[in-house]
């Protein structure tokens, strides 16, 4: 399972529209994902202190768009989805709630 962090409003909109498109798909050409080992660091680096977040658990075998593991300089290899995230690939969701200091732990 791989993971994606998004705002609850964006996830709700995706469920109404039938597919999820992160802003990065338009601006960078892919949706950022993380492995289980990377997701907490990603949350703390880019979302620290934010609220109304949801963590999507994605079955990579069910993805319809191309998934690539790309090298990110000085940070390792991360999964990137080069297209929309089909909703049936999302097997589980969790609220992602910041702790008192603004940091995150896996739900």
PDB file of N, CA and C in Angstrom:
ATOM      1  N   UNK A   1       0.847  -1.172   0.000  1.00  0.00           N
ATOM      2  CA  UNK A   1       0.000   0.000   0.000  1.00  0.00           C
ATOM      3  C   UNK A   1       0.891   1.234   0.000  1.00  0.00           C
ATOM      4  N   UNK A   2       0.490   2.222  -0.801  1.00  0.00           N
ATOM      5  CA  UNK A   2       1.157   3.513  -0.825  1.00  0.00           C
ATOM      6  C   UNK A   2       0.133   4.555  -0.367  1.00  0.00           C
ATOM      7  N   UNK A   3       0.591   5.781  -0.114  1.00  0.00           N
ATOM      8  CA  UNK A   3      -0.251   6.761   0.556  1.00  0.00           C
ATOM      9  C   UNK A   3      -0.206   8.127  -0.116  1.00  0.00           C
ATOM     10  N   UNK A   4      -1.320   8.840   0.045  1.00  0.00           N
ATOM     11  CA  UNK A   4      -1.419  10.223  -0.429  1.00  0.00           C
ATOM     12  C   UNK A   4      -2.131  11.034   0.638  1.00  0.00           C
ATOM     13  N   UNK A   5      -1.643  12.238   0.881  1.00  0.00           N
ATOM     14  CA  UNK A   5      -2.248  13.164   1.834  1.00  0.00           C
ATOM     15  C   UNK A   5      -2.962  14.252   1.055  1.00  0.00           C
ATOM     16  N   UNK A   6      -4.188  14.549   1.457  1.00  0.00           N
ATOM     17  CA  UNK A   6      -4.944  15.609   0.799  1.00  0.00           C
ATOM     18  C   UNK A   6      -5.884  16.273   1.795  1.00  0.00           C
ATOM     19  N   UNK A   7      -6.485  17.359   1.383  1.00  0.00           N
ATOM     20  CA  UNK A   7      -7.472  18.037   2.204  1.00  0.00           C
ATOM     21  C   UNK A   7      -8.790  17.263   2.121  1.00  0.00           C
ATOM     22  N   UNK A   8      -9.529  17.257   3.212  1.00  0.00           N
ATOM     23  CA  UNK A   8     -10.812  16.558   3.244  1.00  0.00           C
ATOM     24  C   UNK A   8     -11.743  17.081   2.157  1.00  0.00           C
ATOM     25  N   UNK A   9     -11.754  18.384   1.915  1.00  0.00           N
ATOM     26  CA  UNK A   9     -12.632  18.961   0.888  1.00  0.00           C
ATOM     27  C   UNK A   9     -12.278  18.437  -0.502  1.00  0.00           C
ATOM     28  N   UNK A  10     -10.997  18.277  -0.794  1.00  0.00           N
ATOM     29  CA  UNK A  10     -10.572  17.760  -2.101  1.00  0.00           C
ATOM     30  C   UNK A  10     -10.980  16.298  -2.259  1.00  0.00           C
ATOM     31  N   UNK A  11     -10.888  15.528  -1.182  1.00  0.00           N
ATOM     32  CA  UNK A  11     -11.283  14.134  -1.236  1.00  0.00           C
ATOM     33  C   UNK A  11     -12.801  14.006  -1.416  1.00  0.00           C
ATOM     34  N   UNK A  12     -13.552  14.842  -0.715  1.00  0.00           N
ATOM     35  CA  UNK A  12     -15.014  14.838  -0.865  1.00  0.00           C
ATOM     36  C   UNK A  12     -15.413  15.199  -2.291  1.00  0.00           C
ATOM     37  N   UNK A  13     -14.750  16.194  -2.871  1.00  0.00           N
ATOM     38  CA  UNK A  13     -15.035  16.597  -4.256  1.00  0.00           C
ATOM     39  C   UNK A  13     -14.709  15.462  -5.221  1.00  0.00           C
ATOM     40  N   UNK A  14     -13.613  14.755  -4.990  1.00  0.00           N
ATOM     41  CA  UNK A  14     -13.229  13.637  -5.854  1.00  0.00           C
ATOM     42  C   UNK A  14     -14.290  12.551  -5.836  1.00  0.00           C
ATOM     43  N   UNK A  15     -14.847  12.291  -4.678  1.00  0.00           N
ATOM     44  CA  UNK A  15     -15.878  11.262  -4.573  1.00  0.00           C
ATOM     45  C   UNK A  15     -17.126  11.653  -5.367  1.00  0.00           C
ATOM     46  N   UNK A  16     -17.423  12.926  -5.442  1.00  0.00           N
ATOM     47  CA  UNK A  16     -18.566  13.387  -6.235  1.00  0.00           C
ATOM     48  C   UNK A  16     -18.244  13.358  -7.729  1.00  0.00           C
ATOM     49  N   UNK A  17     -16.980  13.624  -8.080  1.00  0.00           N
ATOM     50  CA  UNK A  17     -16.577  13.710  -9.483  1.00  0.00           C
ATOM     51  C   UNK A  17     -16.186  12.355 -10.073  1.00  0.00           C
ATOM     52  N   UNK A  18     -15.900  11.378  -9.227  1.00  0.00           N
ATOM     53  CA  UNK A  18     -15.562  10.050  -9.716  1.00  0.00           C
ATOM     54  C   UNK A  18     -14.085   9.774  -9.894  1.00  0.00           C
ATOM     55  N   UNK A  19     -13.221  10.751  -9.649  1.00  0.00           N
ATOM     56  CA  UNK A  19     -11.759  10.569  -9.727  1.00  0.00           C
ATOM     57  C   UNK A  19     -11.090  11.692  -8.936  1.00  0.00           C
ATOM     58  N   UNK A  20      -9.874  11.433  -8.491  1.00  0.00           N
ATOM     59  CA  UNK A  20      -9.124  12.432  -7.719  1.00  0.00           C
ATOM     60  C   UNK A  20      -7.998  13.002  -8.572  1.00  0.00           C
ATOM     61  N   UNK A  21      -7.941  14.329  -8.600  1.00  0.00           N
ATOM     62  CA  UNK A  21      -6.865  15.042  -9.307  1.00  0.00           C
ATOM     63  C   UNK A  21      -6.233  16.037  -8.335  1.00  0.00           C
ATOM     64  N   UNK A  22      -5.038  15.752  -7.890  1.00  0.00           N
ATOM     65  CA  UNK A  22      -4.317  16.689  -7.028  1.00  0.00           C
ATOM     66  C   UNK A  22      -3.885  17.894  -7.854  1.00  0.00           C
ATOM     67  N   UNK A  23      -3.664  19.024  -7.191  1.00  0.00           N
ATOM     68  CA  UNK A  23      -3.184  20.227  -7.885  1.00  0.00           C
ATOM     69  C   UNK A  23      -1.866  19.952  -8.613  1.00  0.00           C
ATOM     70  N   UNK A  24      -1.053  19.087  -8.030  1.00  0.00           N
ATOM     71  CA  UNK A  24       0.250  18.798  -8.636  1.00  0.00           C
ATOM     72  C   UNK A  24       0.133  18.095  -9.985  1.00  0.00           C
ATOM     73  N   UNK A  25      -0.995  17.464 -10.254  1.00  0.00           N
ATOM     74  CA  UNK A  25      -1.161  16.800 -11.546  1.00  0.00           C
ATOM     75  C   UNK A  25      -1.129  17.828 -12.673  1.00  0.00           C
ATOM     76  N   UNK A  26      -1.741  18.986 -12.446  1.00  0.00           N
ATOM     77  CA  UNK A  26      -1.709  20.060 -13.449  1.00  0.00           C
ATOM     78  C   UNK A  26      -0.380  20.798 -13.455  1.00  0.00           C
ATOM     79  N   UNK A  27       0.168  21.063 -12.275  1.00  0.00           N
ATOM     80  CA  UNK A  27       1.380  21.877 -12.192  1.00  0.00           C
ATOM     81  C   UNK A  27       2.674  21.096 -12.427  1.00  0.00           C
ATOM     82  N   UNK A  28       2.708  19.806 -12.036  1.00  0.00           N
ATOM     83  CA  UNK A  28       3.946  19.028 -12.149  1.00  0.00           C
ATOM     84  C   UNK A  28       3.800  17.796 -13.047  1.00  0.00           C
ATOM     85  N   UNK A  29       2.569  17.441 -13.378  1.00  0.00           N
ATOM     86  CA  UNK A  29       2.344  16.301 -14.250  1.00  0.00           C
ATOM     87  C   UNK A  29       2.141  14.974 -13.538  1.00  0.00           C
ATOM     88  N   UNK A  30       2.107  14.993 -12.207  1.00  0.00           N
ATOM     89  CA  UNK A  30       1.896  13.758 -11.450  1.00  0.00           C
ATOM     90  C   UNK A  30       1.330  14.079 -10.072  1.00  0.00           C
ATOM     91  N   UNK A  31       0.817  13.025  -9.420  1.00  0.00           N
ATOM     92  CA  UNK A  31       0.331  13.116  -8.047  1.00  0.00           C
ATOM     93  C   UNK A  31       1.400  12.523  -7.140  1.00  0.00           C
ATOM     94  N   UNK A  32       1.771  13.263  -6.109  1.00  0.00           N
ATOM     95  CA  UNK A  32       2.767  12.806  -5.140  1.00  0.00           C
ATOM     96  C   UNK A  32       2.176  11.729  -4.239  1.00  0.00           C
ATOM     97  N   UNK A  33       2.921  10.666  -4.056  1.00  0.00           N
ATOM     98  CA  UNK A  33       2.553   9.587  -3.141  1.00  0.00           C
ATOM     99  C   UNK A  33       3.754   9.275  -2.261  1.00  0.00           C
ATOM    100  N   UNK A  34       3.515   8.493  -1.220  1.00  0.00           N
ATOM    101  CA  UNK A  34       4.590   8.088  -0.313  1.00  0.00           C
ATOM    102  C   UNK A  34       4.431   6.618   0.027  1.00  0.00           C
ATOM    103  N   UNK A  35       5.548   5.986   0.333  1.00  0.00           N
ATOM    104  CA  UNK A  35       5.506   4.630   0.884  1.00  0.00           C
ATOM    105  C   UNK A  35       5.171   4.746   2.369  1.00  0.00           C
ATOM    106  N   UNK A  36       4.909   3.614   3.003  1.00  0.00           N
ATOM    107  CA  UNK A  36       4.626   3.613   4.442  1.00  0.00           C
ATOM    108  C   UNK A  36       5.791   4.206   5.228  1.00  0.00           C
ATOM    109  N   UNK A  37       7.004   3.937   4.783  1.00  0.00           N
ATOM    110  CA  UNK A  37       8.191   4.443   5.479  1.00  0.00           C
ATOM    111  C   UNK A  37       8.378   5.948   5.288  1.00  0.00           C
ATOM    112  N   UNK A  38       7.748   6.538   4.268  1.00  0.00           N
ATOM    113  CA  UNK A  38       7.947   7.952   3.940  1.00  0.00           C
ATOM    114  C   UNK A  38       6.821   8.862   4.382  1.00  0.00           C
ATOM    115  N   UNK A  39       5.638   8.323   4.647  1.00  0.00           N
ATOM    116  CA  UNK A  39       4.447   9.160   4.784  1.00  0.00           C
ATOM    117  C   UNK A  39       4.492  10.099   5.993  1.00  0.00           C
ATOM    118  N   UNK A  40       5.013   9.667   7.114  1.00  0.00           N
ATOM    119  CA  UNK A  40       5.072  10.550   8.287  1.00  0.00           C
ATOM    120  C   UNK A  40       6.026  11.712   8.033  1.00  0.00           C
ATOM    121  N   UNK A  41       7.185  11.417   7.452  1.00  0.00           N
ATOM    122  CA  UNK A  41       8.133  12.483   7.123  1.00  0.00           C
ATOM    123  C   UNK A  41       7.517  13.470   6.126  1.00  0.00           C
ATOM    124  N   UNK A  42       6.804  12.956   5.135  1.00  0.00           N
ATOM    125  CA  UNK A  42       6.131  13.816   4.162  1.00  0.00           C
ATOM    126  C   UNK A  42       5.108  14.703   4.849  1.00  0.00           C
ATOM    127  N   UNK A  43       4.299  14.123   5.716  1.00  0.00           N
ATOM    128  CA  UNK A  43       3.278  14.892   6.436  1.00  0.00           C
ATOM    129  C   UNK A  43       3.916  15.986   7.275  1.00  0.00           C
ATOM    130  N   UNK A  44       4.972  15.658   7.983  1.00  0.00           N
ATOM    131  CA  UNK A  44       5.617  16.639   8.856  1.00  0.00           C
ATOM    132  C   UNK A  44       6.376  17.705   8.071  1.00  0.00           C
ATOM    133  N   UNK A  45       6.847  17.361   6.914  1.00  0.00           N
ATOM    134  CA  UNK A  45       7.596  18.320   6.104  1.00  0.00           C
ATOM    135  C   UNK A  45       6.693  19.307   5.374  1.00  0.00           C
ATOM    136  N   UNK A  46       5.576  18.820   4.834  1.00  0.00           N
ATOM    137  CA  UNK A  46       4.746  19.657   3.968  1.00  0.00           C
ATOM    138  C   UNK A  46       3.393  20.069   4.567  1.00  0.00           C
ATOM    139  N   UNK A  47       2.950  19.394   5.616  1.00  0.00           N
ATOM    140  CA  UNK A  47       1.599  19.648   6.144  1.00  0.00           C
ATOM    141  C   UNK A  47       1.584  19.986   7.629  1.00  0.00           C
ATOM    142  N   UNK A  48       2.728  20.161   8.234  1.00  0.00           N
ATOM    143  CA  UNK A  48       2.835  20.379   9.678  1.00  0.00           C
ATOM    144  C   UNK A  48       1.838  21.439  10.150  1.00  0.00           C
ATOM    145  N   UNK A  49       1.047  21.075  11.155  1.00  0.00           N
ATOM    146  CA  UNK A  49       0.107  22.001  11.774  1.00  0.00           C
ATOM    147  C   UNK A  49      -1.203  22.194  11.026  1.00  0.00           C
ATOM    148  N   UNK A  50      -1.341  21.603   9.855  1.00  0.00           N
ATOM    149  CA  UNK A  50      -2.580  21.768   9.090  1.00  0.00           C
ATOM    150  C   UNK A  50      -3.666  20.853   9.639  1.00  0.00           C
ATOM    151  N   UNK A  51      -4.894  21.261   9.404  1.00  0.00           N
ATOM    152  CA  UNK A  51      -6.029  20.456   9.842  1.00  0.00           C
ATOM    153  C   UNK A  51      -6.881  20.091   8.635  1.00  0.00           C
ATOM    154  N   UNK A  52      -7.908  19.299   8.870  1.00  0.00           N
ATOM    155  CA  UNK A  52      -8.826  18.851   7.807  1.00  0.00           C
ATOM    156  C   UNK A  52      -8.107  18.078   6.714  1.00  0.00           C
ATOM    157  N   UNK A  53      -7.170  17.226   7.133  1.00  0.00           N
ATOM    158  CA  UNK A  53      -6.439  16.391   6.184  1.00  0.00           C
ATOM    159  C   UNK A  53      -6.925  14.957   6.259  1.00  0.00           C
ATOM    160  N   UNK A  54      -6.774  14.260   5.163  1.00  0.00           N
ATOM    161  CA  UNK A  54      -7.111  12.844   5.105  1.00  0.00           C
ATOM    162  C   UNK A  54      -5.947  12.097   4.455  1.00  0.00           C
ATOM    163  N   UNK A  55      -5.675  10.913   4.967  1.00  0.00           N
ATOM    164  CA  UNK A  55      -4.636  10.053   4.427  1.00  0.00           C
ATOM    165  C   UNK A  55      -5.318   8.952   3.625  1.00  0.00           C
ATOM    166  N   UNK A  56      -4.954   8.836   2.363  1.00  0.00           N
ATOM    167  CA  UNK A  56      -5.527   7.832   1.481  1.00  0.00           C
ATOM    168  C   UNK A  56      -4.579   6.641   1.391  1.00  0.00           C
ATOM    169  N   UNK A  57      -5.086   5.462   1.635  1.00  0.00           N
ATOM    170  CA  UNK A  57      -4.324   4.231   1.460  1.00  0.00           C
ATOM    171  C   UNK A  57      -4.647   3.654   0.094  1.00  0.00           C
ATOM    172  N   UNK A  58      -3.658   3.612  -0.782  1.00  0.00           N
ATOM    173  CA  UNK A  58      -3.858   3.274  -2.193  1.00  0.00           C
ATOM    174  C   UNK A  58      -3.232   1.915  -2.514  1.00  0.00           C
ATOM    175  N   UNK A  59      -4.030   1.059  -3.147  1.00  0.00           N
ATOM    176  CA  UNK A  59      -3.527  -0.225  -3.638  1.00  0.00           C
ATOM    177  C   UNK A  59      -2.915   0.026  -5.010  1.00  0.00           C
ATOM    178  N   UNK A  60      -1.602  -0.035  -5.092  1.00  0.00           N
ATOM    179  CA  UNK A  60      -0.932   0.303  -6.350  1.00  0.00           C
ATOM    180  C   UNK A  60      -1.259  -0.670  -7.481  1.00  0.00           C
ATOM    181  N   UNK A  61      -1.695  -1.866  -7.163  1.00  0.00           N
ATOM    182  CA  UNK A  61      -2.066  -2.835  -8.192  1.00  0.00           C
ATOM    183  C   UNK A  61      -3.400  -2.504  -8.865  1.00  0.00           C
ATOM    184  N   UNK A  62      -4.159  -1.600  -8.278  1.00  0.00           N
ATOM    185  CA  UNK A  62      -5.460  -1.235  -8.843  1.00  0.00           C
ATOM    186  C   UNK A  62      -5.431   0.093  -9.598  1.00  0.00           C
ATOM    187  N   UNK A  63      -4.281   0.730  -9.648  1.00  0.00           N
ATOM    188  CA  UNK A  63      -4.171   2.021 -10.321  1.00  0.00           C
ATOM    189  C   UNK A  63      -4.326   1.867 -11.826  1.00  0.00           C
ATOM    190  N   UNK A  64      -5.042   2.793 -12.432  1.00  0.00           N
ATOM    191  CA  UNK A  64      -5.214   2.781 -13.887  1.00  0.00           C
ATOM    192  C   UNK A  64      -4.165   3.648 -14.579  1.00  0.00           C
ATOM    193  N   UNK A  65      -3.734   4.718 -13.929  1.00  0.00           N
ATOM    194  CA  UNK A  65      -2.700   5.594 -14.489  1.00  0.00           C
ATOM    195  C   UNK A  65      -1.322   4.991 -14.189  1.00  0.00           C
ATOM    196  N   UNK A  66      -0.331   5.489 -14.902  1.00  0.00           N
ATOM    197  CA  UNK A  66       1.040   4.994 -14.729  1.00  0.00           C
ATOM    198  C   UNK A  66       1.619   5.417 -13.387  1.00  0.00           C
ATOM    199  N   UNK A  67       2.174   4.465 -12.668  1.00  0.00           N
ATOM    200  CA  UNK A  67       2.867   4.710 -11.409  1.00  0.00           C
ATOM    201  C   UNK A  67       4.352   4.510 -11.643  1.00  0.00           C
ATOM    202  N   UNK A  68       5.143   5.508 -11.252  1.00  0.00           N
ATOM    203  CA  UNK A  68       6.600   5.403 -11.373  1.00  0.00           C
ATOM    204  C   UNK A  68       7.227   5.743 -10.030  1.00  0.00           C
ATOM    205  N   UNK A  69       8.325   5.096  -9.746  1.00  0.00           N
ATOM    206  CA  UNK A  69       9.121   5.433  -8.568  1.00  0.00           C
ATOM    207  C   UNK A  69      10.279   6.282  -9.065  1.00  0.00           C
ATOM    208  N   UNK A  70      10.198   7.575  -8.764  1.00  0.00           N
ATOM    209  CA  UNK A  70      11.177   8.542  -9.265  1.00  0.00           C
ATOM    210  C   UNK A  70      12.135   8.964  -8.156  1.00  0.00           C
ATOM    211  N   UNK A  71      13.370   9.163  -8.554  1.00  0.00           N
ATOM    212  CA  UNK A  71      14.385   9.673  -7.633  1.00  0.00           C
ATOM    213  C   UNK A  71      14.128  11.150  -7.386  1.00  0.00           C
ATOM    214  N   UNK A  72      14.089  11.534  -6.108  1.00  0.00           N
ATOM    215  CA  UNK A  72      13.966  12.929  -5.710  1.00  0.00           C
ATOM    216  C   UNK A  72      15.312  13.307  -5.102  1.00  0.00           C
ATOM    217  N   UNK A  73      16.051  14.205  -5.745  1.00  0.00           N
ATOM    218  CA  UNK A  73      17.398  14.516  -5.272  1.00  0.00           C
ATOM    219  C   UNK A  73      17.444  14.827  -3.769  1.00  0.00           C
ATOM    220  N   UNK A  74      18.364  14.188  -3.089  1.00  0.00           N
ATOM    221  CA  UNK A  74      18.604  14.353  -1.652  1.00  0.00           C
ATOM    222  C   UNK A  74      17.469  13.836  -0.775  1.00  0.00           C
ATOM    223  N   UNK A  75      16.491  13.128  -1.336  1.00  0.00           N
ATOM    224  CA  UNK A  75      15.367  12.639  -0.527  1.00  0.00           C
ATOM    225  C   UNK A  75      15.003  11.186  -0.792  1.00  0.00           C
ATOM    226  N   UNK A  76      15.568  10.545  -1.790  1.00  0.00           N
ATOM    227  CA  UNK A  76      15.261   9.150  -2.061  1.00  0.00           C
ATOM    228  C   UNK A  76      14.314   8.975  -3.235  1.00  0.00           C
ATOM    229  N   UNK A  77      13.709   7.817  -3.304  1.00  0.00           N
ATOM    230  CA  UNK A  77      12.811   7.458  -4.388  1.00  0.00           C
ATOM    231  C   UNK A  77      11.377   7.484  -3.887  1.00  0.00           C
ATOM    232  N   UNK A  78      10.520   8.190  -4.607  1.00  0.00           N
ATOM    233  CA  UNK A  78       9.117   8.338  -4.206  1.00  0.00           C
ATOM    234  C   UNK A  78       8.197   7.877  -5.335  1.00  0.00           C
ATOM    235  N   UNK A  79       7.029   7.311  -4.963  1.00  0.00           N
ATOM    236  CA  UNK A  79       6.050   6.954  -5.983  1.00  0.00           C
ATOM    237  C   UNK A  79       5.316   8.185  -6.497  1.00  0.00           C
ATOM    238  N   UNK A  80       5.148   8.262  -7.803  1.00  0.00           N
ATOM    239  CA  UNK A  80       4.408   9.349  -8.453  1.00  0.00           C
ATOM    240  C   UNK A  80       3.400   8.738  -9.418  1.00  0.00           C
ATOM    241  N   UNK A  81       2.190   9.257  -9.399  1.00  0.00           N
ATOM    242  CA  UNK A  81       1.126   8.770 -10.272  1.00  0.00           C
ATOM    243  C   UNK A  81       0.932   9.755 -11.410  1.00  0.00           C
ATOM    244  N   UNK A  82       1.141   9.302 -12.631  1.00  0.00           N
ATOM    245  CA  UNK A  82       1.083  10.160 -13.817  1.00  0.00           C
ATOM    246  C   UNK A  82      -0.304  10.114 -14.446  1.00  0.00           C
ATOM    247  N   UNK A  83      -1.284  10.569 -13.699  1.00  0.00           N
ATOM    248  CA  UNK A  83      -2.669  10.621 -14.149  1.00  0.00           C
ATOM    249  C   UNK A  83      -3.584  10.684 -12.943  1.00  0.00           C
ATOM    250  N   UNK A  84      -4.877  10.640 -13.204  1.00  0.00           N
ATOM    251  CA  UNK A  84      -5.860  10.695 -12.122  1.00  0.00           C
ATOM    252  C   UNK A  84      -5.766   9.452 -11.236  1.00  0.00           C
ATOM    253  N   UNK A  85      -6.141   9.643  -9.994  1.00  0.00           N
ATOM    254  CA  UNK A  85      -6.243   8.532  -9.055  1.00  0.00           C
ATOM    255  C   UNK A  85      -7.665   7.998  -9.127  1.00  0.00           C
ATOM    256  N   UNK A  86      -7.819   6.782  -9.649  1.00  0.00           N
ATOM    257  CA  UNK A  86      -9.136   6.171  -9.700  1.00  0.00           C
ATOM    258  C   UNK A  86      -9.566   5.778  -8.285  1.00  0.00           C
ATOM    259  N   UNK A  87     -10.798   6.085  -7.953  1.00  0.00           N
ATOM    260  CA  UNK A  87     -11.278   5.918  -6.582  1.00  0.00           C
ATOM    261  C   UNK A  87     -11.269   4.474  -6.101  1.00  0.00           C
ATOM    262  N   UNK A  88     -11.452   3.526  -6.999  1.00  0.00           N
ATOM    263  CA  UNK A  88     -11.473   2.132  -6.559  1.00  0.00           C
ATOM    264  C   UNK A  88     -10.088   1.620  -6.154  1.00  0.00           C
ATOM    265  N   UNK A  89      -9.043   2.393  -6.382  1.00  0.00           N
ATOM    266  CA  UNK A  89      -7.702   2.035  -5.915  1.00  0.00           C
ATOM    267  C   UNK A  89      -7.491   2.462  -4.459  1.00  0.00           C
ATOM    268  N   UNK A  90      -8.348   3.347  -3.965  1.00  0.00           N
ATOM    269  CA  UNK A  90      -8.240   3.812  -2.577  1.00  0.00           C
ATOM    270  C   UNK A  90      -8.965   2.797  -1.691  1.00  0.00           C
ATOM    271  N   UNK A  91      -8.200   2.044  -0.932  1.00  0.00           N
ATOM    272  CA  UNK A  91      -8.773   0.975  -0.109  1.00  0.00           C
ATOM    273  C   UNK A  91      -9.138   1.428   1.285  1.00  0.00           C
ATOM    274  N   UNK A  92      -8.515   2.490   1.758  1.00  0.00           N
ATOM    275  CA  UNK A  92      -8.767   2.929   3.118  1.00  0.00           C
ATOM    276  C   UNK A  92      -8.454   4.413   3.239  1.00  0.00           C
ATOM    277  N   UNK A  93      -9.167   5.080   4.121  1.00  0.00           N
ATOM    278  CA  UNK A  93      -8.885   6.489   4.420  1.00  0.00           C
ATOM    279  C   UNK A  93      -8.863   6.666   5.932  1.00  0.00           C
ATOM    280  N   UNK A  94      -8.038   7.600   6.368  1.00  0.00           N
ATOM    281  CA  UNK A  94      -7.941   7.928   7.777  1.00  0.00           C
ATOM    282  C   UNK A  94      -7.893   9.441   7.925  1.00  0.00           C
ATOM    283  N   UNK A  95      -8.527   9.993   8.967  1.00  0.00           N
ATOM    284  CA  UNK A  95      -8.291  11.411   9.254  1.00  0.00           C
ATOM    285  C   UNK A  95      -6.830  11.554   9.683  1.00  0.00           C
ATOM    286  N   UNK A  96      -6.176  12.582   9.204  1.00  0.00           N
ATOM    287  CA  UNK A  96      -4.787  12.832   9.570  1.00  0.00           C
ATOM    288  C   UNK A  96      -4.786  14.062  10.468  1.00  0.00           C
ATOM    289  N   UNK A  97      -4.631  13.821  11.747  1.00  0.00           N
ATOM    290  CA  UNK A  97      -4.795  14.874  12.756  1.00  0.00           C
ATOM    291  C   UNK A  97      -3.449  15.210  13.369  1.00  0.00           C
ATOM    292  N   UNK A  98      -3.122  16.482  13.356  1.00  0.00           N
ATOM    293  CA  UNK A  98      -1.855  16.943  13.933  1.00  0.00           C
ATOM    294  C   UNK A  98      -1.905  16.824  15.453  1.00  0.00           C
ATOM    295  N   UNK A  99      -0.775  16.478  16.017  1.00  0.00           N
ATOM    296  CA  UNK A  99      -0.638  16.462  17.466  1.00  0.00           C
ATOM    297  C   UNK A  99      -0.536  17.901  17.980  1.00  0.00           C
ATOM    298  N   UNK A 100      -0.468  18.069  19.271  1.00  0.00           N
ATOM    299  CA  UNK A 100      -0.434  19.403  19.876  1.00  0.00           C
ATOM    300  C   UNK A 100       0.720  20.261  19.338  1.00  0.00           C
ATOM    301  N   UNK A 101       1.849  19.638  19.008  1.00  0.00           N
ATOM    302  CA  UNK A 101       3.007  20.383  18.504  1.00  0.00           C
ATOM    303  C   UNK A 101       2.956  20.596  16.992  1.00  0.00           C
ATOM    304  N   UNK A 102       1.864  20.132  16.351  1.00  0.00           N
ATOM    305  CA  UNK A 102       1.704  20.305  14.910  1.00  0.00           C
ATOM    306  C   UNK A 102       2.235  19.152  14.082  1.00  0.00           C
ATOM    307  N   UNK A 103       2.892  18.198  14.714  1.00  0.00           N
ATOM    308  CA  UNK A 103       3.470  17.072  13.982  1.00  0.00           C
ATOM    309  C   UNK A 103       2.438  15.954  13.803  1.00  0.00           C
ATOM    310  N   UNK A 104       2.795  14.996  12.978  1.00  0.00           N
ATOM    311  CA  UNK A 104       1.911  13.875  12.662  1.00  0.00           C
ATOM    312  C   UNK A 104       2.571  12.552  13.006  1.00  0.00           C
ATOM    313  N   UNK A 105       1.743  11.566  13.307  1.00  0.00           N
ATOM    314  CA  UNK A 105       2.152  10.165  13.430  1.00  0.00           C
ATOM    315  C   UNK A 105       1.176   9.375  12.563  1.00  0.00           C
ATOM    316  N   UNK A 106       1.541   8.157  12.198  1.00  0.00           N
ATOM    317  CA  UNK A 106       0.636   7.324  11.397  1.00  0.00           C
ATOM    318  C   UNK A 106      -0.622   7.045  12.204  1.00  0.00           C
ATOM    319  N   UNK A 107      -1.773   7.191  11.560  1.00  0.00           N
ATOM    320  CA  UNK A 107      -3.033   6.871  12.276  1.00  0.00           C
ATOM    321  C   UNK A 107      -3.157   5.379  12.520  1.00  0.00           C
TER     322      UNK A 107
END
